[in-house]
PDB file of N, CA and C in Angstrom:
ATOM      1  N   MET A   1     -38.432 -60.514  15.269  1.00  0.00           N
ATOM      2  CA  MET A   1     -38.015 -60.615  14.923  1.00  0.00           C
ATOM      3  C   MET A   1     -36.590 -60.035  13.840  1.00  0.00           C
ATOM      4  N   ILE A   2     -35.572 -60.438  14.033  1.00  0.00           N
ATOM      5  CA  ILE A   2     -34.955 -59.163  13.131  1.00  0.00           C
ATOM      6  C   ILE A   2     -34.167 -60.120  11.950  1.00  0.00           C
ATOM      7  N   THR A   3     -34.879 -59.499  10.708  1.00  0.00           N
ATOM      8  CA  THR A   3     -34.063 -60.241   9.504  1.00  0.00           C
ATOM      9  C   THR A   3     -32.868 -60.187   9.302  1.00  0.00           C
ATOM     10  N   LYS A   4     -32.419 -60.844   8.414  1.00  0.00           N
ATOM     11  CA  LYS A   4     -30.862 -60.879   7.844  1.00  0.00           C
ATOM     12  C   LYS A   4     -30.341 -59.829   7.599  1.00  0.00           C
ATOM     13  N   SER A   5     -31.247 -59.288   6.502  1.00  0.00           N
ATOM     14  CA  SER A   5     -31.624 -57.935   6.041  1.00  0.00           C
ATOM     15  C   SER A   5     -31.128 -56.899   7.043  1.00  0.00           C
ATOM     16  N   GLN A   6     -31.946 -56.823   7.609  1.00  0.00           N
ATOM     17  CA  GLN A   6     -32.233 -55.149   8.649  1.00  0.00           C
ATOM     18  C   GLN A   6     -31.125 -55.530   9.450  1.00  0.00           C
ATOM     19  N   ARG A   7     -30.563 -57.219   9.822  1.00  0.00           N
ATOM     20  CA  ARG A   7     -29.874 -56.769  10.543  1.00  0.00           C
ATOM     21  C   ARG A   7     -28.006 -56.285   9.842  1.00  0.00           C
ATOM     22  N   ASN A   8     -27.848 -56.651   8.384  1.00  0.00           N
ATOM     23  CA  ASN A   8     -26.803 -56.241   7.731  1.00  0.00           C
ATOM     24  C   ASN A   8     -26.870 -54.984   7.608  1.00  0.00           C
ATOM     25  N   ASN A   9     -28.046 -54.172   7.147  1.00  0.00           N
ATOM     26  CA  ASN A   9     -28.515 -52.545   7.267  1.00  0.00           C
ATOM     27  C   ASN A   9     -27.701 -51.925   8.166  1.00  0.00           C
ATOM     28  N   ILE A  10     -28.575 -52.384  10.031  1.00  0.00           N
ATOM     29  CA  ILE A  10     -27.711 -51.983  10.954  1.00  0.00           C
ATOM     30  C   ILE A  10     -26.363 -52.126  11.063  1.00  0.00           C
ATOM     31  N   LEU A  11     -25.632 -53.309  10.825  1.00  0.00           N
ATOM     32  CA  LEU A  11     -24.500 -53.378  11.071  1.00  0.00           C
ATOM     33  C   LEU A  11     -23.197 -53.034   9.853  1.00  0.00           C
ATOM     34  N   PHE A  12     -23.872 -52.085   8.809  1.00  0.00           N
ATOM     35  CA  PHE A  12     -23.470 -51.700   8.007  1.00  0.00           C
ATOM     36  C   PHE A  12     -23.701 -49.841   8.282  1.00  0.00           C
ATOM     37  N   LEU A  13     -24.757 -49.793   8.965  1.00  0.00           N
ATOM     38  CA  LEU A  13     -24.912 -48.421   8.977  1.00  0.00           C
ATOM     39  C   LEU A  13     -23.742 -47.809  10.445  1.00  0.00           C
ATOM     40  N   ILE A  14     -23.326 -48.560  10.763  1.00  0.00           N
ATOM     41  CA  ILE A  14     -23.054 -48.109  12.241  1.00  0.00           C
ATOM     42  C   ILE A  14     -21.531 -47.392  12.042  1.00  0.00           C
ATOM     43  N   PRO A  15     -20.665 -48.027  11.100  1.00  0.00           N
ATOM     44  CA  PRO A  15     -19.530 -47.051  10.554  1.00  0.00           C
ATOM     45  C   PRO A  15     -19.720 -46.079   9.834  1.00  0.00           C
ATOM     46  N   VAL A  16     -21.144 -46.019   9.088  1.00  0.00           N
ATOM     47  CA  VAL A  16     -21.257 -44.995   8.496  1.00  0.00           C
ATOM     48  C   VAL A  16     -21.670 -43.713   9.779  1.00  0.00           C
ATOM     49  N   ALA A  17     -22.163 -44.327  10.683  1.00  0.00           N
ATOM     50  CA  ALA A  17     -22.607 -43.175  11.906  1.00  0.00           C
ATOM     51  C   ALA A  17     -21.614 -42.828  12.911  1.00  0.00           C
ATOM     52  N   LEU A  18     -20.563 -44.005  12.848  1.00  0.00           N
ATOM     53  CA  LEU A  18     -19.382 -43.193  13.809  1.00  0.00           C
ATOM     54  C   LEU A  18     -18.361 -42.481  12.473  1.00  0.00           C
ATOM     55  N   LEU A  19     -18.237 -42.446  11.487  1.00  0.00           N
ATOM     56  CA  LEU A  19     -17.599 -41.263  10.446  1.00  0.00           C
ATOM     57  C   LEU A  19     -18.082 -40.177  10.650  1.00  0.00           C
ATOM     58  N   SER A  20     -19.255 -40.317  10.704  1.00  0.00           N
ATOM     59  CA  SER A  20     -20.253 -39.061  10.793  1.00  0.00           C
ATOM     60  C   SER A  20     -19.655 -37.835  11.727  1.00  0.00           C
ATOM     61  N   ILE A  21     -19.321 -38.774  12.724  1.00  0.00           N
ATOM     62  CA  ILE A  21     -18.966 -37.642  14.237  1.00  0.00           C
ATOM     63  C   ILE A  21     -17.917 -36.738  13.783  1.00  0.00           C
ATOM     64  N   PRO A  22     -16.656 -37.590  13.105  1.00  0.00           N
ATOM     65  CA  PRO A  22     -15.540 -36.274  12.990  1.00  0.00           C
ATOM     66  C   PRO A  22     -16.010 -35.517  11.738  1.00  0.00           C
ATOM     67  N   LEU A  23     -16.607 -35.737  10.915  1.00  0.00           N
ATOM     68  CA  LEU A  23     -17.329 -35.097   9.987  1.00  0.00           C
ATOM     69  C   LEU A  23     -17.569 -33.727  10.203  1.00  0.00           C
ATOM     70  N   VAL A  24     -18.762 -34.210  11.263  1.00  0.00           N
ATOM     71  CA  VAL A  24     -19.537 -32.801  11.657  1.00  0.00           C
ATOM     72  C   VAL A  24     -18.926 -32.159  12.790  1.00  0.00           C
ATOM     73  N   ALA A  25     -17.903 -32.549  13.433  1.00  0.00           N
ATOM     74  CA  ALA A  25     -17.191 -31.998  14.747  1.00  0.00           C
ATOM     75  C   ALA A  25     -16.212 -31.355  13.455  1.00  0.00           C
ATOM     76  N   MET A  26     -15.924 -31.328  12.795  1.00  0.00           N
ATOM     77  CA  MET A  26     -14.982 -30.884  12.054  1.00  0.00           C
ATOM     78  C   MET A  26     -15.559 -29.452  11.448  1.00  0.00           C
ATOM     79  N   GLN A  27     -17.126 -29.257  10.983  1.00  0.00           N
ATOM     80  CA  GLN A  27     -17.836 -27.923  11.079  1.00  0.00           C
ATOM     81  C   GLN A  27     -17.826 -27.148  11.991  1.00  0.00           C
ATOM     82  N   PHE A  28     -17.548 -27.380  13.442  1.00  0.00           N
ATOM     83  CA  PHE A  28     -18.105 -26.594  14.521  1.00  0.00           C
ATOM     84  C   PHE A  28     -16.744 -26.861  15.422  1.00  0.00           C
ATOM     85  N   THR A  29     -15.322 -27.136  15.142  1.00  0.00           N
ATOM     86  CA  THR A  29     -14.402 -26.685  15.737  1.00  0.00           C
ATOM     87  C   THR A  29     -13.028 -27.384  14.725  1.00  0.00           C
ATOM     88  N   LYS A  30     -11.795 -26.383  15.096  1.00  0.00           N
ATOM     89  CA  LYS A  30     -10.831 -26.406  14.532  1.00  0.00           C
ATOM     90  C   LYS A  30     -10.061 -27.764  15.207  1.00  0.00           C
ATOM     91  N   GLU A  31     -10.812 -28.437  16.393  1.00  0.00           N
ATOM     92  CA  GLU A  31      -9.472 -29.142  16.722  1.00  0.00           C
ATOM     93  C   GLU A  31      -9.321 -30.621  16.522  1.00  0.00           C
ATOM     94  N   VAL A  32     -10.444 -30.744  15.400  1.00  0.00           N
ATOM     95  CA  VAL A  32     -10.649 -32.174  14.587  1.00  0.00           C
ATOM     96  C   VAL A  32     -10.727 -31.866  13.053  1.00  0.00           C
ATOM     97  N   ASN A  33      -9.372 -32.350  12.846  1.00  0.00           N
ATOM     98  CA  ASN A  33      -8.750 -31.913  11.376  1.00  0.00           C
ATOM     99  C   ASN A  33      -8.308 -32.958  11.172  1.00  0.00           C
ATOM    100  N   TRP A  34      -9.553 -33.924  10.291  1.00  0.00           N
ATOM    101  CA  TRP A  34      -9.422 -35.065   9.717  1.00  0.00           C
ATOM    102  C   TRP A  34      -9.218 -34.747   8.096  1.00  0.00           C
ATOM    103  N   SER A  35      -7.959 -35.532   7.606  1.00  0.00           N
ATOM    104  CA  SER A  35      -7.830 -35.340   5.981  1.00  0.00           C
ATOM    105  C   SER A  35      -8.685 -36.298   5.468  1.00  0.00           C
ATOM    106  N   PHE A  36      -8.638 -36.411   3.826  1.00  0.00           N
ATOM    107  CA  PHE A  36      -9.681 -37.509   3.453  1.00  0.00           C
ATOM    108  C   PHE A  36      -8.888 -38.752   3.238  1.00  0.00           C
ATOM    109  N   SER A  37      -7.568 -39.289   3.641  1.00  0.00           N
ATOM    110  CA  SER A  37      -6.863 -40.179   4.251  1.00  0.00           C
ATOM    111  C   SER A  37      -7.558 -40.910   5.130  1.00  0.00           C
ATOM    112  N   ASP A  38      -7.543 -39.745   6.408  1.00  0.00           N
ATOM    113  CA  ASP A  38      -7.726 -40.373   7.546  1.00  0.00           C
ATOM    114  C   ASP A  38      -9.445 -41.036   7.228  1.00  0.00           C
ATOM    115  N   PHE A  39     -10.272 -40.181   6.796  1.00  0.00           N
ATOM    116  CA  PHE A  39     -11.478 -41.061   6.930  1.00  0.00           C
ATOM    117  C   PHE A  39     -11.284 -42.026   5.622  1.00  0.00           C
ATOM    118  N   ALA A  40     -10.635 -42.337   4.389  1.00  0.00           N
ATOM    119  CA  ALA A  40     -10.715 -43.451   3.680  1.00  0.00           C
ATOM    120  C   ALA A  40     -10.126 -44.448   4.812  1.00  0.00           C
ATOM    121  N   ILE A  41      -8.720 -44.609   5.504  1.00  0.00           N
ATOM    122  CA  ILE A  41      -8.570 -45.519   6.549  1.00  0.00           C
ATOM    123  C   ILE A  41      -9.492 -46.113   7.477  1.00  0.00           C
ATOM    124  N   GLY A  42     -10.040 -45.073   8.327  1.00  0.00           N
ATOM    125  CA  GLY A  42     -11.198 -45.370   9.124  1.00  0.00           C
ATOM    126  C   GLY A  42     -12.282 -46.141   8.573  1.00  0.00           C
ATOM    127  N   GLY A  43     -12.552 -45.617   7.172  1.00  0.00           N
ATOM    128  CA  GLY A  43     -13.921 -46.218   6.611  1.00  0.00           C
ATOM    129  C   GLY A  43     -13.388 -47.732   6.487  1.00  0.00           C
ATOM    130  N   PHE A  44     -12.324 -48.025   5.832  1.00  0.00           N
ATOM    131  CA  PHE A  44     -11.738 -49.197   5.437  1.00  0.00           C
ATOM    132  C   PHE A  44     -11.440 -50.305   6.582  1.00  0.00           C
ATOM    133  N   ILE A  45     -11.145 -49.753   7.606  1.00  0.00           N
ATOM    134  CA  ILE A  45     -11.001 -50.383   9.238  1.00  0.00           C
ATOM    135  C   ILE A  45     -12.437 -50.294   9.760  1.00  0.00           C
ATOM    136  N   LEU A  46     -13.460 -50.085   9.510  1.00  0.00           N
ATOM    137  CA  LEU A  46     -14.815 -50.052  10.114  1.00  0.00           C
ATOM    138  C   LEU A  46     -15.538 -50.587   9.271  1.00  0.00           C
ATOM    139  N   PHE A  47     -15.996 -50.624   8.046  1.00  0.00           N
ATOM    140  CA  PHE A  47     -16.319 -51.307   7.048  1.00  0.00           C
ATOM    141  C   PHE A  47     -15.882 -52.767   6.728  1.00  0.00           C
ATOM    142  N   GLY A  48     -14.190 -53.088   7.403  1.00  0.00           N
ATOM    143  CA  GLY A  48     -14.126 -54.437   7.010  1.00  0.00           C
ATOM    144  C   GLY A  48     -13.924 -55.089   8.467  1.00  0.00           C
ATOM    145  N   THR A  49     -14.405 -54.773   9.687  1.00  0.00           N
ATOM    146  CA  THR A  49     -14.801 -54.941  10.704  1.00  0.00           C
ATOM    147  C   THR A  49     -15.499 -55.780  10.398  1.00  0.00           C
ATOM    148  N   ALA A  50     -16.985 -54.360   9.735  1.00  0.00           N
ATOM    149  CA  ALA A  50     -18.424 -54.929   9.614  1.00  0.00           C
ATOM    150  C   ALA A  50     -18.410 -56.145   8.953  1.00  0.00           C
ATOM    151  N   PHE A  51     -17.825 -56.048   8.166  1.00  0.00           N
ATOM    152  CA  PHE A  51     -18.251 -57.460   6.899  1.00  0.00           C
ATOM    153  C   PHE A  51     -17.501 -58.391   7.607  1.00  0.00           C
ATOM    154  N   ILE A  52     -16.147 -58.392   8.461  1.00  0.00           N
ATOM    155  CA  ILE A  52     -16.137 -59.609   8.737  1.00  0.00           C
ATOM    156  C   ILE A  52     -16.710 -60.114  10.075  1.00  0.00           C
ATOM    157  N   ILE A  53     -17.736 -58.957  10.976  1.00  0.00           N
ATOM    158  CA  ILE A  53     -18.625 -59.799  11.995  1.00  0.00           C
ATOM    159  C   ILE A  53     -19.697 -60.303  10.898  1.00  0.00           C
ATOM    160  N   LYS A  54     -20.459 -59.609  10.098  1.00  0.00           N
ATOM    161  CA  LYS A  54     -20.994 -60.403   9.082  1.00  0.00           C
ATOM    162  C   LYS A  54     -20.854 -61.979   8.933  1.00  0.00           C
ATOM    163  N   LEU A  55     -19.728 -62.073   8.617  1.00  0.00           N
ATOM    164  CA  LEU A  55     -19.380 -63.503   8.026  1.00  0.00           C
ATOM    165  C   LEU A  55     -18.990 -64.027   9.172  1.00  0.00           C
ATOM    166  N   ILE A  56     -19.032 -64.031  10.193  1.00  0.00           N
ATOM    167  CA  ILE A  56     -18.980 -64.547  11.407  1.00  0.00           C
ATOM    168  C   ILE A  56     -20.634 -65.044  11.736  1.00  0.00           C
ATOM    169  N   LEU A  57     -21.427 -63.926  11.793  1.00  0.00           N
ATOM    170  CA  LEU A  57     -22.572 -64.239  11.849  1.00  0.00           C
ATOM    171  C   LEU A  57     -23.386 -65.169  10.992  1.00  0.00           C
ATOM    172  N   GLU A  58     -22.878 -65.417   9.969  1.00  0.00           N
ATOM    173  CA  GLU A  58     -23.397 -66.277   8.736  1.00  0.00           C
ATOM    174  C   GLU A  58     -22.512 -67.988   9.100  1.00  0.00           C
ATOM    175  N   LYS A  59     -21.111 -67.720   9.244  1.00  0.00           N
ATOM    176  CA  LYS A  59     -20.725 -69.013   9.377  1.00  0.00           C
ATOM    177  C   LYS A  59     -21.001 -69.872  11.015  1.00  0.00           C
ATOM    178  N   PHE A  60     -21.090 -69.108  11.574  1.00  0.00           N
ATOM    179  CA  PHE A  60     -21.187 -69.669  13.544  1.00  0.00           C
ATOM    180  C   PHE A  60     -22.334 -69.762  13.420  1.00  0.00           C
ATOM    181  N   LYS A  61     -22.675 -70.854  13.978  1.00  0.00           N
ATOM    182  CA  LYS A  61     -24.101 -70.744  14.425  1.00  0.00           C
ATOM    183  C   LYS A  61     -24.613 -71.060  16.131  1.00  0.00           C
ATOM    184  N   THR A  62     -23.438 -71.569  16.871  1.00  0.00           N
ATOM    185  CA  THR A  62     -23.625 -71.147  18.227  1.00  0.00           C
ATOM    186  C   THR A  62     -23.157 -69.824  18.831  1.00  0.00           C
ATOM    187  N   THR A  63     -24.258 -69.196  19.635  1.00  0.00           N
ATOM    188  CA  THR A  63     -24.310 -67.637  20.191  1.00  0.00           C
ATOM    189  C   THR A  63     -22.920 -67.557  20.896  1.00  0.00           C
ATOM    190  N   LYS A  64     -22.606 -68.813  21.756  1.00  0.00           N
ATOM    191  CA  LYS A  64     -21.243 -68.749  22.225  1.00  0.00           C
ATOM    192  C   LYS A  64     -19.916 -68.516  21.558  1.00  0.00           C
ATOM    193  N   SER A  65     -20.257 -68.826  20.172  1.00  0.00           N
ATOM    194  CA  SER A  65     -18.781 -68.697  19.268  1.00  0.00           C
ATOM    195  C   SER A  65     -18.594 -67.517  18.462  1.00  0.00           C
ATOM    196  N   ARG A  66     -20.043 -67.163  18.360  1.00  0.00           N
ATOM    197  CA  ARG A  66     -20.452 -66.106  17.434  1.00  0.00           C
ATOM    198  C   ARG A  66     -20.143 -64.709  18.655  1.00  0.00           C
ATOM    199  N   LEU A  67     -20.357 -64.868  19.447  1.00  0.00           N
ATOM    200  CA  LEU A  67     -19.879 -63.807  20.652  1.00  0.00           C
ATOM    201  C   LEU A  67     -18.408 -63.743  20.822  1.00  0.00           C
ATOM    202  N   ILE A  68     -17.660 -64.936  21.259  1.00  0.00           N
ATOM    203  CA  ILE A  68     -15.749 -64.937  21.586  1.00  0.00           C
ATOM    204  C   ILE A  68     -15.626 -64.339  20.284  1.00  0.00           C
ATOM    205  N   LEU A  69     -15.781 -64.976  19.412  1.00  0.00           N
ATOM    206  CA  LEU A  69     -15.084 -64.311  17.532  1.00  0.00           C
ATOM    207  C   LEU A  69     -15.503 -62.786  17.664  1.00  0.00           C
ATOM    208  N   ILE A  70     -16.685 -62.375  17.737  1.00  0.00           N
ATOM    209  CA  ILE A  70     -17.083 -61.053  17.963  1.00  0.00           C
ATOM    210  C   ILE A  70     -16.288 -60.348  18.730  1.00  0.00           C
ATOM    211  N   MET A  71     -15.837 -60.462  20.077  1.00  0.00           N
ATOM    212  CA  MET A  71     -15.270 -59.741  21.061  1.00  0.00           C
ATOM    213  C   MET A  71     -14.092 -59.624  20.396  1.00  0.00           C
ATOM    214  N   ILE A  72     -13.312 -60.935  20.235  1.00  0.00           N
ATOM    215  CA  ILE A  72     -11.882 -60.971  19.512  1.00  0.00           C
ATOM    216  C   ILE A  72     -11.741 -60.106  18.701  1.00  0.00           C
ATOM    217  N   THR A  73     -12.971 -59.880  17.331  1.00  0.00           N
ATOM    218  CA  THR A  73     -12.455 -59.129  16.316  1.00  0.00           C
ATOM    219  C   THR A  73     -12.595 -57.157  16.726  1.00  0.00           C
ATOM    220  N   LEU A  74     -13.741 -57.147  17.819  1.00  0.00           N
ATOM    221  CA  LEU A  74     -14.069 -55.765  18.007  1.00  0.00           C
ATOM    222  C   LEU A  74     -12.662 -55.198  19.156  1.00  0.00           C
ATOM    223  N   ALA A  75     -11.655 -56.530  19.857  1.00  0.00           N
ATOM    224  CA  ALA A  75     -10.398 -56.029  20.631  1.00  0.00           C
ATOM    225  C   ALA A  75      -9.895 -56.038  19.663  1.00  0.00           C
ATOM    226  N   VAL A  76      -9.307 -56.503  18.626  1.00  0.00           N
ATOM    227  CA  VAL A  76      -8.735 -56.071  17.441  1.00  0.00           C
ATOM    228  C   VAL A  76      -9.000 -54.605  16.364  1.00  0.00           C
ATOM    229  N   LEU A  77     -10.021 -54.550  16.492  1.00  0.00           N
ATOM    230  CA  LEU A  77     -10.364 -53.223  15.858  1.00  0.00           C
ATOM    231  C   LEU A  77      -9.829 -51.932  17.176  1.00  0.00           C
ATOM    232  N   PHE A  78     -10.067 -52.408  18.139  1.00  0.00           N
ATOM    233  CA  PHE A  78     -10.116 -50.999  18.902  1.00  0.00           C
ATOM    234  C   PHE A  78      -8.606 -50.739  19.058  1.00  0.00           C
ATOM    235  N   LEU A  79      -7.723 -51.630  19.661  1.00  0.00           N
ATOM    236  CA  LEU A  79      -6.096 -51.914  19.178  1.00  0.00           C
ATOM    237  C   LEU A  79      -5.521 -51.569  18.206  1.00  0.00           C
ATOM    238  N   VAL A  80      -6.389 -51.454  16.837  1.00  0.00           N
ATOM    239  CA  VAL A  80      -5.732 -50.774  15.719  1.00  0.00           C
ATOM    240  C   VAL A  80      -6.016 -49.549  15.650  1.00  0.00           C
ATOM    241  N   TRP A  81      -6.898 -48.956  16.144  1.00  0.00           N
ATOM    242  CA  TRP A  81      -7.555 -47.774  15.849  1.00  0.00           C
ATOM    243  C   TRP A  81      -6.618 -47.150  17.098  1.00  0.00           C
ATOM    244  N   ILE A  82      -6.494 -47.304  18.273  1.00  0.00           N
ATOM    245  CA  ILE A  82      -5.930 -46.754  19.058  1.00  0.00           C
ATOM    246  C   ILE A  82      -4.165 -46.686  18.788  1.00  0.00           C
ATOM    247  N   GLU A  83      -3.921 -47.314  18.167  1.00  0.00           N
ATOM    248  CA  GLU A  83      -2.535 -47.319  17.339  1.00  0.00           C
ATOM    249  C   GLU A  83      -2.178 -46.482  16.168  1.00  0.00           C
ATOM    250  N   LEU A  84      -3.364 -46.215  15.573  1.00  0.00           N
ATOM    251  CA  LEU A  84      -3.253 -45.577  14.334  1.00  0.00           C
ATOM    252  C   LEU A  84      -3.587 -43.873  14.854  1.00  0.00           C
ATOM    253  N   ALA A  85      -4.224 -44.183  15.968  1.00  0.00           N
ATOM    254  CA  ALA A  85      -4.659 -42.507  16.910  1.00  0.00           C
ATOM    255  C   ALA A  85      -3.117 -41.703  17.510  1.00  0.00           C
ATOM    256  N   VAL A  86      -2.971 -42.420  18.189  1.00  0.00           N
ATOM    257  CA  VAL A  86      -2.111 -42.384  19.282  1.00  0.00           C
ATOM    258  C   VAL A  86      -0.669 -43.012  19.519  1.00  0.00           C
ATOM    259  N   GLY A  87      -0.373 -44.036  18.443  1.00  0.00           N
ATOM    260  CA  GLY A  87       0.321 -44.878  18.691  1.00  0.00           C
ATOM    261  C   GLY A  87       1.067 -45.410  20.052  1.00  0.00           C
ATOM    262  N   ILE A  88       0.449 -46.101  20.813  1.00  0.00           N
ATOM    263  CA  ILE A  88       0.200 -46.456  21.937  1.00  0.00           C
ATOM    264  C   ILE A  88       1.872 -48.140  22.477  1.00  0.00           C
ATOM    265  N   PHE A  89       1.470 -48.449  21.061  1.00  0.00           N
ATOM    266  CA  PHE A  89       2.755 -49.557  20.591  1.00  0.00           C
ATOM    267  C   PHE A  89       3.500 -48.958  19.952  1.00  0.00           C
ATOM    268  N   GLY A  90       3.696 -47.866  19.563  1.00  0.00           N
ATOM    269  CA  GLY A  90       5.123 -47.463  18.914  1.00  0.00           C
ATOM    270  C   GLY A  90       5.233 -48.150  17.447  1.00  0.00           C
ATOM    271  N   SER A  91       4.616 -49.017  16.887  1.00  0.00           N
ATOM    272  CA  SER A  91       4.678 -49.426  15.651  1.00  0.00           C
ATOM    273  C   SER A  91       5.056 -48.430  14.350  1.00  0.00           C
ATOM    274  N   PRO A  92       5.641 -48.474  13.225  1.00  0.00           N
ATOM    275  CA  PRO A  92       6.029 -47.759  12.647  1.00  0.00           C
ATOM    276  C   PRO A  92       4.638 -47.341  11.247  1.00  0.00           C
ATOM    277  N   PHE A  93       3.438 -48.445  11.612  1.00  0.00           N
ATOM    278  CA  PHE A  93       2.484 -47.549  10.820  1.00  0.00           C
ATOM    279  C   PHE A  93       1.369 -46.431  11.753  1.00  0.00           C
ATOM    280  N   ALA A  94       2.067 -45.998  13.346  1.00  0.00           N
ATOM    281  CA  ALA A  94       1.567 -45.168  13.488  1.00  0.00           C
ATOM    282  C   ALA A  94       1.430 -43.563  13.422  1.00  0.00           C
ATOM    283  N   GLY A  95       2.396 -43.737  12.643  1.00  0.00           N
ATOM    284  CA  GLY A  95       2.728 -42.697  11.879  1.00  0.00           C
ATOM    285  C   GLY A  95       3.863 -41.404  12.345  1.00  0.00           C
ATOM    286  N   SER A  96       4.602 -42.264  13.410  1.00  0.00           N
ATOM    287  CA  SER A  96       5.647 -41.405  14.052  1.00  0.00           C
ATOM    288  C   SER A  96       6.950 -41.889  13.041  1.00  0.00           C
TER     289      SER A  96
END
C-alpha cells in the first residue's frame, strides 16, 4: 500500500520530470529554446495542477468522484498548455 507521503512525493516529482525534458533537450539541440519565463510559467502550471490533484485526493473519498475531477483538471491543464504552446484558440495570452 502506498502512503500519503509517498503519493505526494510521486505527485510532485512528475512536474520536475516533465520540466527536465526541455532542460536536457536544450543541451543537445538548438530547436528547443526555453527562457527562464517559460520554465517559470510551466512550473507554475504543472505544480499548480499537482497541488489541485493533491487536494482532490484528500477531500474526495469515492474513486469515481476522484477520477472525474482529476480528468477534468488534467483536461484543463492540457488545454491551457496547448494554448500557450501554439495558440490553438487564438486568445490574447497565447503570445500572438
